[in-house]
Amino acid sequence: MGMSQDTLMKFLKEGFPDAEITLTDLAGDDNHWQAEIVSARFAGLPRVRQHQMVYEALQGHMGGVLHALALKTRAP
């Protein structure tokens, strides 16, 4: 059982209300997602911190119901 696109998008939109978010289901199984997130909140931050912010927005679901998430993050 994976995480649906709607559920994943809900977490990401709550964490990054200003962001432009594109989700891609890499394997067609709701378990392997790619998220491209463009948010002003990422400005000036190193990529590792940007990704930590995304994991925080997922509220502990990474590694549980969400098995794999490829991230592309950047400021506008």
PDB file of N, CA and C in Angstrom:
ATOM      1  N   MET A   1       0.856  -1.199   0.000  1.00  0.00           N
ATOM      2  CA  MET A   1       0.000   0.000   0.000  1.00  0.00           C
ATOM      3  C   MET A   1       0.885   1.240   0.000  1.00  0.00           C
ATOM      4  N   GLY A   2       0.736   2.041  -0.999  1.00  0.00           N
ATOM      5  CA  GLY A   2       1.546   3.239  -1.104  1.00  0.00           C
ATOM      6  C   GLY A   2       0.795   4.473  -0.646  1.00  0.00           C
ATOM      7  N   MET A   3       1.265   5.609  -1.082  1.00  0.00           N
ATOM      8  CA  MET A   3       0.624   6.879  -0.779  1.00  0.00           C
ATOM      9  C   MET A   3       0.071   7.429  -2.083  1.00  0.00           C
ATOM     10  N   SER A   4      -1.205   7.743  -2.096  1.00  0.00           N
ATOM     11  CA  SER A   4      -1.831   8.246  -3.317  1.00  0.00           C
ATOM     12  C   SER A   4      -1.278   9.624  -3.665  1.00  0.00           C
ATOM     13  N   GLN A   5      -1.422   9.956  -4.932  1.00  0.00           N
ATOM     14  CA  GLN A   5      -0.961  11.267  -5.390  1.00  0.00           C
ATOM     15  C   GLN A   5      -1.685  12.378  -4.646  1.00  0.00           C
ATOM     16  N   ASP A   6      -2.986  12.210  -4.416  1.00  0.00           N
ATOM     17  CA  ASP A   6      -3.760  13.240  -3.709  1.00  0.00           C
ATOM     18  C   ASP A   6      -3.238  13.453  -2.290  1.00  0.00           C
ATOM     19  N   THR A   7      -2.934  12.353  -1.599  1.00  0.00           N
ATOM     20  CA  THR A   7      -2.442  12.451  -0.224  1.00  0.00           C
ATOM     21  C   THR A   7      -1.067  13.092  -0.188  1.00  0.00           C
ATOM     22  N   LEU A   8      -0.188  12.660  -1.076  1.00  0.00           N
ATOM     23  CA  LEU A   8       1.154  13.229  -1.134  1.00  0.00           C
ATOM     24  C   LEU A   8       1.083  14.717  -1.458  1.00  0.00           C
ATOM     25  N   MET A   9       0.246  15.075  -2.416  1.00  0.00           N
ATOM     26  CA  MET A   9       0.097  16.483  -2.798  1.00  0.00           C
ATOM     27  C   MET A   9      -0.436  17.299  -1.624  1.00  0.00           C
ATOM     28  N   LYS A  10      -1.364  16.731  -0.857  1.00  0.00           N
ATOM     29  CA  LYS A  10      -1.929  17.434   0.303  1.00  0.00           C
ATOM     30  C   LYS A  10      -0.825  17.791   1.300  1.00  0.00           C
ATOM     31  N   PHE A  11       0.022  16.834   1.646  1.00  0.00           N
ATOM     32  CA  PHE A  11       1.124  17.104   2.570  1.00  0.00           C
ATOM     33  C   PHE A  11       2.055  18.176   2.017  1.00  0.00           C
ATOM     34  N   LEU A  12       2.406  18.063   0.748  1.00  0.00           N
ATOM     35  CA  LEU A  12       3.344  19.009   0.155  1.00  0.00           C
ATOM     36  C   LEU A  12       2.748  20.406   0.052  1.00  0.00           C
ATOM     37  N   LYS A  13       1.460  20.502  -0.299  1.00  0.00           N
ATOM     38  CA  LYS A  13       0.801  21.815  -0.400  1.00  0.00           C
ATOM     39  C   LYS A  13       0.679  22.471   0.973  1.00  0.00           C
ATOM     40  N   GLU A  14       0.439  21.654   2.014  1.00  0.00           N
ATOM     41  CA  GLU A  14       0.373  22.207   3.372  1.00  0.00           C
ATOM     42  C   GLU A  14       1.739  22.733   3.797  1.00  0.00           C
ATOM     43  N   GLY A  15       2.787  21.997   3.438  1.00  0.00           N
ATOM     44  CA  GLY A  15       4.130  22.399   3.820  1.00  0.00           C
ATOM     45  C   GLY A  15       4.674  23.550   2.993  1.00  0.00           C
ATOM     46  N   PHE A  16       4.223  23.632   1.743  1.00  0.00           N
ATOM     47  CA  PHE A  16       4.735  24.638   0.808  1.00  0.00           C
ATOM     48  C   PHE A  16       3.571  25.254   0.034  1.00  0.00           C
ATOM     49  N   PRO A  17       2.754  26.069   0.719  1.00  0.00           N
ATOM     50  CA  PRO A  17       1.558  26.614   0.054  1.00  0.00           C
ATOM     51  C   PRO A  17       1.860  27.471  -1.164  1.00  0.00           C
ATOM     52  N   ASP A  18       3.054  28.067  -1.206  1.00  0.00           N
ATOM     53  CA  ASP A  18       3.421  28.956  -2.321  1.00  0.00           C
ATOM     54  C   ASP A  18       3.981  28.193  -3.513  1.00  0.00           C
ATOM     55  N   ALA A  19       4.234  26.902  -3.337  1.00  0.00           N
ATOM     56  CA  ALA A  19       5.067  26.165  -4.295  1.00  0.00           C
ATOM     57  C   ALA A  19       4.336  25.743  -5.556  1.00  0.00           C
ATOM     58  N   GLU A  20       5.156  25.588  -6.590  1.00  0.00           N
ATOM     59  CA  GLU A  20       4.724  24.912  -7.817  1.00  0.00           C
ATOM     60  C   GLU A  20       5.227  23.475  -7.659  1.00  0.00           C
ATOM     61  N   ILE A  21       4.297  22.513  -7.633  1.00  0.00           N
ATOM     62  CA  ILE A  21       4.638  21.121  -7.334  1.00  0.00           C
ATOM     63  C   ILE A  21       4.205  20.226  -8.489  1.00  0.00           C
ATOM     64  N   THR A  22       5.133  19.402  -8.959  1.00  0.00           N
ATOM     65  CA  THR A  22       4.841  18.424  -9.995  1.00  0.00           C
ATOM     66  C   THR A  22       5.176  17.044  -9.452  1.00  0.00           C
ATOM     67  N   LEU A  23       4.189  16.150  -9.456  1.00  0.00           N
ATOM     68  CA  LEU A  23       4.403  14.779  -8.988  1.00  0.00           C
ATOM     69  C   LEU A  23       4.391  13.819 -10.169  1.00  0.00           C
ATOM     70  N   THR A  24       5.312  12.873 -10.146  1.00  0.00           N
ATOM     71  CA  THR A  24       5.380  11.834 -11.168  1.00  0.00           C
ATOM     72  C   THR A  24       5.451  10.486 -10.470  1.00  0.00           C
ATOM     73  N   ASP A  25       4.539   9.574 -10.819  1.00  0.00           N
ATOM     74  CA  ASP A  25       4.558   8.212 -10.287  1.00  0.00           C
ATOM     75  C   ASP A  25       5.521   7.411 -11.156  1.00  0.00           C
ATOM     76  N   LEU A  26       6.717   7.155 -10.632  1.00  0.00           N
ATOM     77  CA  LEU A  26       7.791   6.579 -11.442  1.00  0.00           C
ATOM     78  C   LEU A  26       7.552   5.123 -11.819  1.00  0.00           C
ATOM     79  N   ALA A  27       6.813   4.385 -10.977  1.00  0.00           N
ATOM     80  CA  ALA A  27       6.630   2.954 -11.232  1.00  0.00           C
ATOM     81  C   ALA A  27       5.169   2.559 -11.426  1.00  0.00           C
ATOM     82  N   GLY A  28       4.257   3.527 -11.299  1.00  0.00           N
ATOM     83  CA  GLY A  28       2.835   3.219 -11.460  1.00  0.00           C
ATOM     84  C   GLY A  28       2.248   2.450 -10.297  1.00  0.00           C
ATOM     85  N   ASP A  29       2.907   2.541  -9.116  1.00  0.00           N
ATOM     86  CA  ASP A  29       2.462   1.730  -7.980  1.00  0.00           C
ATOM     87  C   ASP A  29       2.162   2.533  -6.711  1.00  0.00           C
ATOM     88  N   ASP A  30       2.140   3.866  -6.807  1.00  0.00           N
ATOM     89  CA  ASP A  30       1.930   4.738  -5.646  1.00  0.00           C
ATOM     90  C   ASP A  30       3.011   4.570  -4.581  1.00  0.00           C
ATOM     91  N   ASN A  31       4.132   3.976  -4.920  1.00  0.00           N
ATOM     92  CA  ASN A  31       5.214   3.770  -3.950  1.00  0.00           C
ATOM     93  C   ASN A  31       6.497   4.501  -4.326  1.00  0.00           C
ATOM     94  N   HIS A  32       6.657   4.845  -5.586  1.00  0.00           N
ATOM     95  CA  HIS A  32       7.903   5.449  -6.070  1.00  0.00           C
ATOM     96  C   HIS A  32       7.573   6.748  -6.795  1.00  0.00           C
ATOM     97  N   TRP A  33       7.701   7.839  -6.077  1.00  0.00           N
ATOM     98  CA  TRP A  33       7.319   9.143  -6.591  1.00  0.00           C
ATOM     99  C   TRP A  33       8.525  10.012  -6.859  1.00  0.00           C
ATOM    100  N   GLN A  34       8.368  10.894  -7.812  1.00  0.00           N
ATOM    101  CA  GLN A  34       9.297  12.006  -7.978  1.00  0.00           C
ATOM    102  C   GLN A  34       8.502  13.277  -7.734  1.00  0.00           C
ATOM    103  N   ALA A  35       9.034  14.138  -6.897  1.00  0.00           N
ATOM    104  CA  ALA A  35       8.396  15.422  -6.632  1.00  0.00           C
ATOM    105  C   ALA A  35       9.343  16.533  -7.050  1.00  0.00           C
ATOM    106  N   GLU A  36       8.855  17.398  -7.910  1.00  0.00           N
ATOM    107  CA  GLU A  36       9.600  18.603  -8.264  1.00  0.00           C
ATOM    108  C   GLU A  36       8.898  19.766  -7.583  1.00  0.00           C
ATOM    109  N   ILE A  37       9.615  20.456  -6.700  1.00  0.00           N
ATOM    110  CA  ILE A  37       9.013  21.505  -5.880  1.00  0.00           C
ATOM    111  C   ILE A  37       9.800  22.795  -6.084  1.00  0.00           C
ATOM    112  N   VAL A  38       9.103  23.821  -6.527  1.00  0.00           N
ATOM    113  CA  VAL A  38       9.712  25.134  -6.719  1.00  0.00           C
ATOM    114  C   VAL A  38       9.071  26.067  -5.695  1.00  0.00           C
ATOM    115  N   SER A  39       9.874  26.478  -4.697  1.00  0.00           N
ATOM    116  CA  SER A  39       9.333  27.286  -3.604  1.00  0.00           C
ATOM    117  C   SER A  39      10.313  28.380  -3.219  1.00  0.00           C
ATOM    118  N   ALA A  40       9.780  29.568  -2.958  1.00  0.00           N
ATOM    119  CA  ALA A  40      10.615  30.671  -2.491  1.00  0.00           C
ATOM    120  C   ALA A  40      11.246  30.339  -1.140  1.00  0.00           C
ATOM    121  N   ARG A  41      10.664  29.416  -0.386  1.00  0.00           N
ATOM    122  CA  ARG A  41      11.219  29.016   0.915  1.00  0.00           C
ATOM    123  C   ARG A  41      12.591  28.366   0.767  1.00  0.00           C
ATOM    124  N   PHE A  42      12.925  27.898  -0.436  1.00  0.00           N
ATOM    125  CA  PHE A  42      14.213  27.241  -0.657  1.00  0.00           C
ATOM    126  C   PHE A  42      15.341  28.227  -0.976  1.00  0.00           C
ATOM    127  N   ALA A  43      15.011  29.486  -1.178  1.00  0.00           N
ATOM    128  CA  ALA A  43      16.011  30.472  -1.602  1.00  0.00           C
ATOM    129  C   ALA A  43      17.168  30.531  -0.614  1.00  0.00           C
ATOM    130  N   GLY A  44      18.390  30.386  -1.137  1.00  0.00           N
ATOM    131  CA  GLY A  44      19.581  30.513  -0.329  1.00  0.00           C
ATOM    132  C   GLY A  44      19.920  29.314   0.536  1.00  0.00           C
ATOM    133  N   LEU A  45      19.121  28.263   0.473  1.00  0.00           N
ATOM    134  CA  LEU A  45      19.363  27.086   1.309  1.00  0.00           C
ATOM    135  C   LEU A  45      20.069  25.994   0.513  1.00  0.00           C
ATOM    136  N   PRO A  46      20.962  25.248   1.166  1.00  0.00           N
ATOM    137  CA  PRO A  46      21.588  24.127   0.470  1.00  0.00           C
ATOM    138  C   PRO A  46      20.561  23.044   0.173  1.00  0.00           C
ATOM    139  N   ARG A  47      20.826  22.262  -0.848  1.00  0.00           N
ATOM    140  CA  ARG A  47      19.884  21.228  -1.282  1.00  0.00           C
ATOM    141  C   ARG A  47      19.515  20.266  -0.151  1.00  0.00           C
ATOM    142  N   VAL A  48      20.494  19.896   0.684  1.00  0.00           N
ATOM    143  CA  VAL A  48      20.205  18.948   1.759  1.00  0.00           C
ATOM    144  C   VAL A  48      19.160  19.531   2.719  1.00  0.00           C
ATOM    145  N   ARG A  49      19.236  20.829   3.000  1.00  0.00           N
ATOM    146  CA  ARG A  49      18.243  21.468   3.881  1.00  0.00           C
ATOM    147  C   ARG A  49      16.889  21.545   3.180  1.00  0.00           C
ATOM    148  N   GLN A  50      16.886  21.816   1.881  1.00  0.00           N
ATOM    149  CA  GLN A  50      15.627  21.834   1.128  1.00  0.00           C
ATOM    150  C   GLN A  50      14.929  20.485   1.249  1.00  0.00           C
ATOM    151  N   HIS A  51      15.693  19.412   1.087  1.00  0.00           N
ATOM    152  CA  HIS A  51      15.108  18.072   1.152  1.00  0.00           C
ATOM    153  C   HIS A  51      14.637  17.746   2.566  1.00  0.00           C
ATOM    154  N   GLN A  52      15.377  18.193   3.581  1.00  0.00           N
ATOM    155  CA  GLN A  52      14.935  17.993   4.963  1.00  0.00           C
ATOM    156  C   GLN A  52      13.589  18.672   5.196  1.00  0.00           C
ATOM    157  N   MET A  53      13.413  19.859   4.621  1.00  0.00           N
ATOM    158  CA  MET A  53      12.145  20.581   4.764  1.00  0.00           C
ATOM    159  C   MET A  53      10.995  19.784   4.145  1.00  0.00           C
ATOM    160  N   VAL A  54      11.261  19.132   3.016  1.00  0.00           N
ATOM    161  CA  VAL A  54      10.230  18.314   2.375  1.00  0.00           C
ATOM    162  C   VAL A  54       9.886  17.126   3.271  1.00  0.00           C
ATOM    163  N   TYR A  55      10.914  16.453   3.808  1.00  0.00           N
ATOM    164  CA  TYR A  55      10.658  15.307   4.686  1.00  0.00           C
ATOM    165  C   TYR A  55       9.863  15.738   5.920  1.00  0.00           C
ATOM    166  N   GLU A  56      10.167  16.917   6.457  1.00  0.00           N
ATOM    167  CA  GLU A  56       9.415  17.433   7.605  1.00  0.00           C
ATOM    168  C   GLU A  56       7.951  17.650   7.236  1.00  0.00           C
ATOM    169  N   ALA A  57       7.704  18.154   6.029  1.00  0.00           N
ATOM    170  CA  ALA A  57       6.322  18.378   5.576  1.00  0.00           C
ATOM    171  C   ALA A  57       5.553  17.068   5.451  1.00  0.00           C
ATOM    172  N   LEU A  58       6.272  15.961   5.226  1.00  0.00           N
ATOM    173  CA  LEU A  58       5.621  14.652   5.085  1.00  0.00           C
ATOM    174  C   LEU A  58       5.289  14.022   6.434  1.00  0.00           C
ATOM    175  N   GLN A  59       5.650  14.694   7.514  1.00  0.00           N
ATOM    176  CA  GLN A  59       5.227  14.319   8.867  1.00  0.00           C
ATOM    177  C   GLN A  59       5.476  12.852   9.209  1.00  0.00           C
ATOM    178  N   GLY A  60       6.654  12.372   8.889  1.00  0.00           N
ATOM    179  CA  GLY A  60       7.027  11.025   9.293  1.00  0.00           C
ATOM    180  C   GLY A  60       6.569   9.910   8.372  1.00  0.00           C
ATOM    181  N   HIS A  61       5.924  10.242   7.260  1.00  0.00           N
ATOM    182  CA  HIS A  61       5.435   9.192   6.346  1.00  0.00           C
ATOM    183  C   HIS A  61       6.523   8.644   5.432  1.00  0.00           C
ATOM    184  N   MET A  62       7.637   9.374   5.286  1.00  0.00           N
ATOM    185  CA  MET A  62       8.726   8.892   4.437  1.00  0.00           C
ATOM    186  C   MET A  62       9.308   7.621   5.041  1.00  0.00           C
ATOM    187  N   GLY A  63       9.430   6.586   4.232  1.00  0.00           N
ATOM    188  CA  GLY A  63       9.959   5.316   4.708  1.00  0.00           C
ATOM    189  C   GLY A  63       8.884   4.407   5.283  1.00  0.00           C
ATOM    190  N   GLY A  64       7.693   4.963   5.519  1.00  0.00           N
ATOM    191  CA  GLY A  64       6.576   4.147   5.983  1.00  0.00           C
ATOM    192  C   GLY A  64       5.696   3.818   4.789  1.00  0.00           C
ATOM    193  N   VAL A  65       4.546   4.493   4.689  1.00  0.00           N
ATOM    194  CA  VAL A  65       3.669   4.262   3.538  1.00  0.00           C
ATOM    195  C   VAL A  65       4.269   4.836   2.260  1.00  0.00           C
ATOM    196  N   LEU A  66       5.198   5.757   2.414  1.00  0.00           N
ATOM    197  CA  LEU A  66       5.875   6.333   1.252  1.00  0.00           C
ATOM    198  C   LEU A  66       7.277   5.745   1.198  1.00  0.00           C
ATOM    199  N   HIS A  67       7.524   4.867   0.217  1.00  0.00           N
ATOM    200  CA  HIS A  67       8.763   4.111   0.187  1.00  0.00           C
ATOM    201  C   HIS A  67       9.902   4.853  -0.500  1.00  0.00           C
ATOM    202  N   ALA A  68       9.630   5.489  -1.609  1.00  0.00           N
ATOM    203  CA  ALA A  68      10.688   6.136  -2.369  1.00  0.00           C
ATOM    204  C   ALA A  68      10.187   7.456  -2.934  1.00  0.00           C
ATOM    205  N   LEU A  69      10.959   8.499  -2.679  1.00  0.00           N
ATOM    206  CA  LEU A  69      10.604   9.821  -3.176  1.00  0.00           C
ATOM    207  C   LEU A  69      11.861  10.475  -3.722  1.00  0.00           C
ATOM    208  N   ALA A  70      11.915  10.650  -5.025  1.00  0.00           N
ATOM    209  CA  ALA A  70      13.016  11.365  -5.660  1.00  0.00           C
ATOM    210  C   ALA A  70      12.658  12.848  -5.635  1.00  0.00           C
ATOM    211  N   LEU A  71      13.556  13.664  -5.142  1.00  0.00           N
ATOM    212  CA  LEU A  71      13.258  15.086  -5.000  1.00  0.00           C
ATOM    213  C   LEU A  71      14.072  15.949  -5.951  1.00  0.00           C
ATOM    214  N   LYS A  72      13.387  16.924  -6.518  1.00  0.00           N
ATOM    215  CA  LYS A  72      14.033  18.009  -7.241  1.00  0.00           C
ATOM    216  C   LYS A  72      13.477  19.269  -6.612  1.00  0.00           C
ATOM    217  N   THR A  73      14.325  20.029  -5.929  1.00  0.00           N
ATOM    218  CA  THR A  73      13.859  21.233  -5.252  1.00  0.00           C
ATOM    219  C   THR A  73      14.685  22.410  -5.720  1.00  0.00           C
ATOM    220  N   ARG A  74      14.020  23.578  -5.806  1.00  0.00           N
ATOM    221  CA  ARG A  74      14.728  24.801  -6.171  1.00  0.00           C
ATOM    222  C   ARG A  74      13.862  26.009  -5.861  1.00  0.00           C
ATOM    223  N   ALA A  75      14.499  27.142  -5.753  1.00  0.00           N
ATOM    224  CA  ALA A  75      13.781  28.407  -5.603  1.00  0.00           C
ATOM    225  C   ALA A  75      13.379  28.888  -6.992  1.00  0.00           C
ATOM    226  N   PRO A  76      12.324  29.703  -7.060  1.00  0.00           N
ATOM    227  CA  PRO A  76      11.878  30.214  -8.368  1.00  0.00           C
ATOM    228  C   PRO A  76      12.951  31.065  -9.036  1.00  0.00           C
TER     229      PRO A  76
END
